[in-house]
N, C-alpha and C. Protein backbone atom coordinates (compact mmCIF):
# COMPACT_ATOMS: atom_id res chain seq x y z
N UNK A 1 113.05 -179.65 57.23
CA UNK A 1 111.97 -180.33 57.88
C UNK A 1 111.93 -178.70 59.32
N UNK A 2 110.10 -178.89 59.02
CA UNK A 2 109.63 -177.73 59.71
C UNK A 2 109.39 -178.63 61.74
N UNK A 3 110.43 -177.82 62.33
CA UNK A 3 109.97 -178.37 64.49
C UNK A 3 108.64 -177.27 64.47
N UNK A 4 107.39 -178.10 64.21
CA UNK A 4 105.83 -177.47 64.41
C UNK A 4 105.02 -178.42 63.79
N UNK A 5 104.02 -177.52 63.59
CA UNK A 5 102.57 -177.65 62.96
C UNK A 5 102.10 -176.73 61.74
N UNK A 6 102.30 -177.10 60.94
CA UNK A 6 101.73 -176.37 59.35
C UNK A 6 100.39 -176.62 58.59
N UNK A 7 99.08 -176.13 58.96
CA UNK A 7 98.35 -176.08 58.30
C UNK A 7 97.92 -175.78 57.24
N UNK A 8 97.09 -175.77 56.08
CA UNK A 8 96.98 -174.74 55.26
C UNK A 8 95.54 -174.93 55.03
N UNK A 9 95.08 -173.47 54.47
CA UNK A 9 93.62 -173.36 54.39
C UNK A 9 93.51 -172.71 53.46
N UNK A 10 92.27 -172.81 52.90
CA UNK A 10 91.97 -172.74 52.21
C UNK A 10 90.29 -172.03 51.66
N UNK A 11 89.76 -170.71 51.37
CA UNK A 11 88.58 -170.31 51.59
C UNK A 11 88.26 -170.68 52.50
N UNK A 12 88.98 -170.12 53.81
CA UNK A 12 88.98 -170.52 55.33
C UNK A 12 88.25 -172.23 55.47
N UNK A 13 88.21 -172.94 54.57
CA UNK A 13 88.00 -174.33 54.63
C UNK A 13 89.81 -174.94 55.07
N UNK A 14 89.62 -176.31 56.04
CA UNK A 14 91.37 -176.64 55.95
C UNK A 14 90.90 -177.86 54.44
N UNK A 15 92.46 -177.82 54.30
CA UNK A 15 92.26 -178.34 52.97
C UNK A 15 93.53 -179.48 52.97
N UNK A 16 93.24 -180.27 54.08
CA UNK A 16 94.74 -180.82 54.56
C UNK A 16 94.45 -182.13 53.57
N UNK A 17 93.36 -182.71 53.51
CA UNK A 17 92.61 -183.89 52.78
C UNK A 17 92.96 -184.06 51.01
N UNK A 18 92.69 -182.84 50.61
CA UNK A 18 93.15 -182.48 49.30
C UNK A 18 94.73 -182.49 48.61
N UNK A 19 95.37 -182.04 49.55
CA UNK A 19 96.78 -181.36 49.22
C UNK A 19 97.19 -181.94 50.24
N UNK A 20 99.16 -182.10 49.56
CA UNK A 20 99.85 -182.15 50.84
C UNK A 20 100.84 -181.66 51.22
N UNK A 21 101.66 -181.18 52.62
CA UNK A 21 102.00 -180.68 52.90
C UNK A 21 103.49 -181.02 52.81
N UNK A 22 104.71 -180.79 52.77
CA UNK A 22 105.86 -180.85 52.44
C UNK A 22 106.68 -180.78 53.54
N UNK A 23 107.46 -181.65 53.94
CA UNK A 23 108.47 -181.71 55.47
C UNK A 23 109.08 -180.10 55.14
N UNK A 24 109.11 -179.35 54.47
CA UNK A 24 109.35 -177.67 54.12
C UNK A 24 108.66 -176.99 54.56
N UNK A 25 106.81 -177.50 54.43
CA UNK A 25 105.63 -176.53 55.04
C UNK A 25 105.50 -175.81 53.48
N UNK A 26 105.36 -176.76 52.32
CA UNK A 26 105.17 -175.80 50.95
C UNK A 26 103.38 -176.50 50.75
N UNK A 27 103.19 -176.04 50.24
CA UNK A 27 101.52 -176.47 49.84
C UNK A 27 101.43 -177.19 48.63
N UNK A 28 101.28 -179.16 48.47
CA UNK A 28 101.59 -178.81 47.16
C UNK A 28 99.84 -179.70 46.67
N UNK A 29 99.24 -179.05 45.33
CA UNK A 29 97.99 -179.56 45.04
C UNK A 29 98.27 -180.63 44.03
N UNK A 30 98.35 -181.50 44.10
CA UNK A 30 98.84 -182.51 43.16
C UNK A 30 97.84 -182.58 41.79
N UNK A 31 96.83 -182.89 41.53
CA UNK A 31 95.31 -183.18 40.67
C UNK A 31 94.93 -181.13 40.79
N UNK A 32 95.69 -180.09 40.32
CA UNK A 32 94.87 -178.50 40.00
C UNK A 32 94.06 -178.89 39.84
N UNK A 33 92.73 -177.98 39.90
CA UNK A 33 91.79 -177.45 38.52
C UNK A 33 91.55 -176.24 39.34
N UNK A 34 90.61 -175.78 38.06
CA UNK A 34 89.42 -174.15 38.21
C UNK A 34 89.06 -174.32 39.39
N UNK A 35 88.75 -175.17 40.47
CA UNK A 35 87.86 -175.32 42.11
C UNK A 35 88.70 -174.57 42.43
N UNK A 36 90.05 -174.95 42.46
CA UNK A 36 91.34 -174.49 43.68
C UNK A 36 91.92 -172.92 43.40
N UNK A 37 90.94 -172.16 42.15
CA UNK A 37 91.22 -170.70 43.05
C UNK A 37 90.86 -170.56 44.78
N UNK A 38 91.11 -169.62 44.64
CA UNK A 38 90.62 -168.57 45.94
C UNK A 38 91.44 -168.30 46.77
N UNK A 39 91.43 -168.32 47.84
CA UNK A 39 92.03 -167.36 48.91
C UNK A 39 93.00 -169.16 49.79
N UNK A 40 94.64 -168.65 49.92
CA UNK A 40 94.81 -169.42 50.75
C UNK A 40 95.82 -168.94 52.06
N UNK A 41 96.08 -169.06 52.81
CA UNK A 41 96.58 -169.28 54.25
C UNK A 41 97.38 -170.36 54.96
N UNK A 42 98.37 -169.87 55.44
CA UNK A 42 98.98 -171.02 55.80
C UNK A 42 98.96 -170.58 57.56
N UNK A 43 98.69 -171.29 58.23
CA UNK A 43 98.98 -171.18 59.87
C UNK A 43 99.96 -172.13 60.55
N UNK A 44 100.76 -171.37 61.00
CA UNK A 44 102.10 -172.19 61.45
C UNK A 44 102.56 -172.35 62.66
N UNK A 45 102.64 -172.92 63.52
CA UNK A 45 102.53 -172.73 64.79
C UNK A 45 103.29 -174.07 65.70
N UNK A 46 104.10 -174.17 66.91
CA UNK A 46 105.81 -174.31 67.48
C UNK A 46 105.32 -174.39 69.03
N UNK A 47 105.83 -174.50 69.53
CA UNK A 47 106.51 -174.25 71.19
C UNK A 47 106.17 -172.56 71.27
N UNK A 48 107.01 -172.08 70.56
CA UNK A 48 106.56 -170.45 70.91
C UNK A 48 105.22 -169.48 70.02
N UNK A 49 104.76 -170.47 69.92
CA UNK A 49 103.02 -170.20 69.64
C UNK A 49 102.70 -169.43 67.89
N UNK A 50 101.67 -168.68 67.74
CA UNK A 50 100.98 -169.70 66.25
C UNK A 50 101.42 -168.09 65.70
N UNK A 51 101.27 -168.60 63.80
CA UNK A 51 102.02 -167.48 62.92
C UNK A 51 100.70 -167.50 62.22
N UNK A 52 99.96 -166.89 61.44
CA UNK A 52 99.47 -166.95 59.98
C UNK A 52 99.73 -166.08 58.98
N UNK A 53 100.29 -166.65 58.06
CA UNK A 53 100.66 -165.87 56.77
C UNK A 53 99.29 -165.07 56.19
N UNK A 54 100.17 -163.94 55.16
CA UNK A 54 99.29 -163.07 54.78
C UNK A 54 97.98 -163.62 53.84
N UNK A 55 97.37 -163.30 53.33
CA UNK A 55 96.12 -163.88 52.53
C UNK A 55 96.70 -164.01 50.92
N UNK A 56 96.58 -165.28 50.30
CA UNK A 56 97.68 -164.83 49.42
C UNK A 56 95.56 -165.51 47.86
N UNK A 57 96.03 -164.84 47.47
CA UNK A 57 94.93 -165.52 46.13
C UNK A 57 95.69 -165.89 44.94
N UNK A 58 95.34 -167.47 44.50
CA UNK A 58 95.25 -168.22 43.69
C UNK A 58 94.38 -167.62 42.69
N UNK A 59 94.69 -167.91 41.28
CA UNK A 59 93.91 -167.69 40.13
C UNK A 59 94.22 -168.90 39.08
N UNK A 60 93.59 -169.76 38.32
CA UNK A 60 93.77 -170.91 37.67
C UNK A 60 93.46 -170.41 35.92
N UNK A 61 94.99 -169.89 35.87
CA UNK A 61 94.65 -170.13 33.68
C UNK A 61 94.48 -171.15 33.22
N UNK A 62 93.52 -171.42 32.95
CA UNK A 62 93.00 -172.40 31.89
C UNK A 62 93.32 -172.43 30.36
N UNK A 63 94.24 -173.14 29.56
CA UNK A 63 94.90 -172.79 28.88
C UNK A 63 93.53 -174.21 27.03
N UNK A 64 93.28 -173.27 26.26
CA UNK A 64 92.29 -173.99 25.40
C UNK A 64 92.92 -174.93 24.92
N UNK A 65 92.01 -176.07 24.70
CA UNK A 65 92.50 -177.04 23.80
C UNK A 65 93.67 -177.17 22.19
N UNK A 66 94.52 -178.38 22.50
CA UNK A 66 95.31 -178.20 21.75
C UNK A 66 94.95 -179.83 20.12
N UNK A 67 94.71 -179.38 19.24
CA UNK A 67 94.40 -180.16 18.57
C UNK A 67 95.36 -181.08 18.00
N UNK A 68 95.35 -182.44 18.28
CA UNK A 68 96.37 -183.51 18.55
C UNK A 68 96.64 -183.88 16.77
N UNK A 69 95.57 -184.11 16.67
CA UNK A 69 95.08 -184.78 15.24
C UNK A 69 93.62 -183.98 14.72
N UNK A 70 93.43 -183.41 13.51
CA UNK A 70 92.01 -183.13 13.01
C UNK A 70 91.45 -184.38 12.13
N UNK A 71 90.37 -183.51 11.66
CA UNK A 71 90.26 -184.51 9.92
C UNK A 71 90.91 -184.23 9.00
N UNK A 72 90.58 -185.65 8.10
CA UNK A 72 91.64 -185.78 6.81
C UNK A 72 90.72 -186.14 5.95
N UNK A 73 91.57 -185.46 4.77
CA UNK A 73 90.54 -185.16 3.40
C UNK A 73 90.16 -186.73 2.89
N UNK A 74 89.20 -186.48 2.20
CA UNK A 74 88.31 -188.25 2.22
C UNK A 74 87.41 -187.89 1.02
N UNK A 75 87.93 -189.24 0.03
CA UNK A 75 86.54 -189.66 -1.35
C UNK A 75 86.25 -190.57 -0.94
N UNK A 76 84.59 -190.45 -0.85
CA UNK A 76 84.24 -191.69 -0.94
C UNK A 76 82.75 -191.79 -2.08
N UNK A 77 82.26 -192.96 -2.08
CA UNK A 77 80.89 -193.08 -3.19
C UNK A 77 79.57 -192.53 -2.62
N UNK A 78 79.21 -192.53 -4.07
CA UNK A 78 77.97 -191.86 -3.15
C UNK A 78 76.99 -193.14 -2.34
N UNK A 79 76.15 -192.43 -2.11
CA UNK A 79 75.22 -193.62 -0.65
C UNK A 79 76.60 -193.96 0.32
N UNK A 80 77.15 -193.54 0.22
CA UNK A 80 77.81 -194.89 1.61
C UNK A 80 78.32 -193.80 2.61
N UNK A 81 78.78 -194.19 3.82
CA UNK A 81 79.36 -193.58 4.91
C UNK A 81 80.55 -193.14 5.20
N UNK A 82 80.74 -192.32 5.77
CA UNK A 82 82.38 -191.26 5.71
C UNK A 82 82.50 -190.56 7.42
N UNK A 83 83.29 -191.37 7.99
CA UNK A 83 83.97 -190.81 9.58
C UNK A 83 84.88 -190.02 9.59
N UNK A 84 84.28 -188.90 9.96
CA UNK A 84 85.54 -188.02 10.01
C UNK A 84 86.46 -188.01 11.63
N UNK A 85 87.65 -187.89 12.08
CA UNK A 85 88.14 -188.06 13.39
C UNK A 85 88.46 -186.78 13.55
N UNK A 86 88.33 -186.63 14.67
CA UNK A 86 89.41 -185.25 15.53
C UNK A 86 89.77 -185.64 17.14
N UNK A 87 91.06 -185.39 17.38
CA UNK A 87 91.36 -185.66 18.61
C UNK A 87 92.23 -184.40 19.86
N UNK A 88 91.37 -183.69 20.70
CA UNK A 88 92.17 -182.59 21.48
C UNK A 88 92.92 -183.17 23.15
N UNK A 89 93.87 -182.59 23.31
CA UNK A 89 94.33 -182.76 24.69
C UNK A 89 94.20 -181.68 25.77
N UNK A 90 94.20 -181.07 26.73
CA UNK A 90 94.52 -180.17 27.33
C UNK A 90 94.11 -180.46 28.64
N UNK A 91 93.29 -179.49 29.12
CA UNK A 91 92.00 -179.57 30.32
C UNK A 91 90.86 -180.31 30.20
N UNK A 92 90.40 -181.12 30.75
CA UNK A 92 89.48 -181.52 30.84
C UNK A 92 88.21 -180.55 31.63
N UNK A 93 86.93 -181.00 30.62
CA UNK A 93 86.32 -182.08 29.55
C UNK A 93 86.43 -181.10 28.45
N UNK A 94 87.13 -181.83 27.98
CA UNK A 94 87.44 -181.20 26.22
C UNK A 94 85.46 -181.80 25.59
N UNK A 95 84.83 -180.87 25.22
CA UNK A 95 83.88 -181.09 24.14
C UNK A 95 84.66 -180.82 22.50
N UNK A 96 83.15 -181.28 21.23
CA UNK A 96 83.86 -181.44 20.28
C UNK A 96 82.32 -181.00 19.56
N UNK A 97 82.77 -180.18 18.30
CA UNK A 97 81.45 -179.88 18.00
C UNK A 97 81.81 -179.91 15.92
N UNK A 98 81.32 -180.52 15.53
CA UNK A 98 81.63 -180.07 13.92
C UNK A 98 80.92 -179.60 13.21
N UNK A 99 81.02 -178.71 12.16
CA UNK A 99 80.74 -177.25 11.73
C UNK A 99 80.59 -178.06 9.89
N UNK A 100 79.76 -178.04 9.09
CA UNK A 100 80.18 -177.73 7.54
C UNK A 100 80.90 -176.75 7.23
N UNK A 101 81.92 -176.01 6.36
CA UNK A 101 82.23 -174.69 7.02
C UNK A 101 81.61 -173.28 6.30
N UNK A 102 81.00 -174.37 4.58
CA UNK A 102 79.80 -173.39 3.26
C UNK A 102 78.97 -173.53 4.41
N UNK A 103 78.20 -174.07 5.22
CA UNK A 103 76.77 -173.83 5.37
C UNK A 103 76.72 -172.79 7.54
N UNK A 104 77.71 -173.16 7.69
CA UNK A 104 77.76 -173.13 8.51
C UNK A 104 76.91 -173.47 10.42
N UNK A 105 76.37 -174.99 9.32
CA UNK A 105 75.53 -175.42 10.14
C UNK A 105 75.81 -177.06 11.67
N UNK A 106 75.72 -176.57 12.48
CA UNK A 106 76.56 -177.14 13.53
C UNK A 106 76.07 -178.91 12.82
N UNK A 107 76.53 -179.47 13.90
CA UNK A 107 76.20 -181.11 13.35
C UNK A 107 76.38 -182.07 14.99
N UNK A 108 77.46 -182.80 14.82
CA UNK A 108 77.44 -183.55 16.13
C UNK A 108 78.06 -183.32 17.30
N UNK A 109 77.81 -183.80 18.33
CA UNK A 109 79.03 -183.50 19.25
C UNK A 109 79.46 -184.36 19.44
N UNK A 110 80.83 -184.88 19.66
CA UNK A 110 81.66 -185.48 19.90
C UNK A 110 82.74 -185.78 19.09
N UNK A 111 83.66 -186.30 19.56
CA UNK A 111 85.85 -186.25 18.18
C UNK A 111 85.38 -187.18 17.02
N UNK A 112 84.31 -187.62 17.02
CA UNK A 112 83.47 -188.42 15.65
C UNK A 112 82.77 -188.08 15.11
N UNK A 113 82.26 -187.72 13.64
CA UNK A 113 81.48 -187.31 12.85
C UNK A 113 81.21 -188.38 11.80
N UNK A 114 80.39 -189.06 12.37
CA UNK A 114 80.05 -190.23 11.08
C UNK A 114 78.33 -189.58 9.96
N UNK A 115 78.45 -190.15 8.83
CA UNK A 115 77.26 -189.78 8.07
C UNK A 115 77.69 -190.73 7.02
N UNK A 116 76.18 -190.44 6.33
CA UNK A 116 75.56 -191.86 5.16
C UNK A 116 75.30 -191.18 4.41
N UNK A 117 76.24 -190.81 3.27
CA UNK A 117 76.04 -189.64 1.87
C UNK A 117 74.48 -190.55 1.39
N UNK A 118 73.51 -189.35 0.70
CA UNK A 118 72.17 -189.10 0.28
C UNK A 118 72.43 -188.57 -1.07
N UNK A 119 73.38 -189.35 -2.48
CA UNK A 119 72.66 -188.53 -3.40
C UNK A 119 73.84 -187.23 -3.19
N UNK A 120 74.91 -187.64 -2.92
CA UNK A 120 75.91 -186.25 -2.52
C UNK A 120 75.87 -185.61 -1.53
N UNK A 121 74.70 -185.32 -0.55
CA UNK A 121 75.02 -184.40 0.69
C UNK A 121 75.85 -184.90 1.39
N UNK A 122 76.57 -185.86 1.50
CA UNK A 122 77.73 -185.37 2.32
C UNK A 122 78.64 -184.54 1.89
N UNK A 123 78.46 -183.95 0.25
CA UNK A 123 79.97 -183.78 -0.43
C UNK A 123 80.26 -182.36 0.87
N UNK A 124 81.51 -182.17 1.09
CA UNK A 124 81.42 -180.33 2.12
C UNK A 124 83.21 -180.70 2.58
N UNK A 125 82.96 -179.36 2.96
CA UNK A 125 84.82 -179.32 3.98
C UNK A 125 84.22 -178.82 5.61
N UNK A 126 84.70 -179.66 6.06
CA UNK A 126 83.74 -179.87 7.45
C UNK A 126 84.98 -180.03 8.59
N UNK A 127 84.68 -179.53 9.52
CA UNK A 127 85.94 -178.41 10.97
C UNK A 127 85.67 -178.88 11.92
N UNK A 128 86.55 -179.21 12.87
CA UNK A 128 86.23 -180.32 14.20
C UNK A 128 86.72 -178.76 15.32
N UNK A 129 85.62 -178.49 15.49
CA UNK A 129 85.82 -177.33 16.86
C UNK A 129 86.68 -177.98 18.77
N UNK A 130 87.01 -178.03 18.94
CA UNK A 130 87.15 -178.46 20.26
C UNK A 130 87.28 -177.52 21.28
N UNK A 131 86.59 -177.50 22.42
CA UNK A 131 86.54 -176.59 23.63
C UNK A 131 86.53 -176.72 25.00
N UNK A 132 87.13 -176.07 26.01
CA UNK A 132 87.00 -176.42 27.08
C UNK A 132 86.72 -175.23 28.09
N UNK A 133 86.88 -174.96 29.13
CA UNK A 133 87.21 -173.69 30.14
C UNK A 133 87.94 -172.63 29.61
N UNK A 134 88.77 -172.99 28.65
CA UNK A 134 89.84 -172.17 28.63
C UNK A 134 89.86 -171.37 26.85
N UNK A 135 88.77 -171.95 26.46
CA UNK A 135 88.63 -171.78 25.09
C UNK A 135 88.30 -172.53 23.74
N UNK A 136 87.98 -172.49 22.97
CA UNK A 136 87.69 -172.70 21.66
C UNK A 136 88.40 -173.03 20.29
N UNK A 137 89.08 -174.31 20.05
CA UNK A 137 89.79 -174.06 19.07
C UNK A 137 89.42 -174.52 17.74
N UNK A 138 89.99 -174.72 16.57
CA UNK A 138 89.29 -175.01 15.04
C UNK A 138 90.80 -175.89 14.24
N UNK A 139 89.92 -176.95 14.20
CA UNK A 139 90.90 -177.65 12.80
C UNK A 139 90.95 -177.45 11.62
N UNK A 140 91.75 -178.11 11.45
CA UNK A 140 92.07 -177.26 9.42
C UNK A 140 90.92 -178.12 8.79
N UNK A 141 90.01 -177.47 7.78
CA UNK A 141 88.94 -178.22 7.62
C UNK A 141 89.80 -179.52 6.49
N UNK A 142 88.86 -180.32 6.86
CA UNK A 142 88.83 -181.85 5.90
C UNK A 142 88.07 -181.38 4.73
N UNK A 143 88.59 -182.00 3.68
CA UNK A 143 87.25 -181.93 2.62
C UNK A 143 86.24 -183.37 1.97
N UNK A 144 85.09 -183.14 2.23
CA UNK A 144 84.73 -185.02 1.78
C UNK A 144 84.14 -184.48 -0.15
N UNK A 145 84.67 -185.01 -0.55
CA UNK A 145 84.17 -185.44 -1.64
C UNK A 145 83.71 -187.07 -2.19
N UNK A 146 82.35 -186.48 -3.18
CA UNK A 146 81.57 -187.66 -3.10
C UNK A 146 81.40 -187.99 -4.81
N UNK A 147 82.02 -189.19 -4.75
CA UNK A 147 82.29 -189.85 -6.53
C UNK A 147 81.08 -190.91 -6.68
N UNK A 148 79.74 -189.79 -7.57
CA UNK A 148 78.52 -190.83 -8.14
C UNK A 148 78.99 -191.81 -8.28
N UNK A 149 77.85 -192.90 -8.29
CA UNK A 149 78.25 -194.38 -8.83
C UNK A 149 77.56 -194.32 -10.95
């Protein structure tokens, strides 16, 4: 336990409202995000006086998302609807895009791609791309086969 007062600053602002100072004086930021990168200083005071730490630069390295489950191969009847699903975990927010592998055209945004086939137009290989501030990853492609009626 510290006999005195510990105050932490971030980019010259007091951060006591967003962080916790432990009994030992350690700075704890419960929900760390990219915005927490910057310069930190510790101000300690007691009956003997005030001491200011050296400035510490903190950088936040965000990893790309990890695809937990990607789309699976499906066979549908001509003129029916197919849905492909993708789910990724990691630093939020995570964005999703879908691409038809052979033509490279981006489809929908979101973790689910829903298409209504029109005479075999849904047939192809589709991949899900998940992205966040750390980068972008792609799922293995899923093949959609269309059986003519």
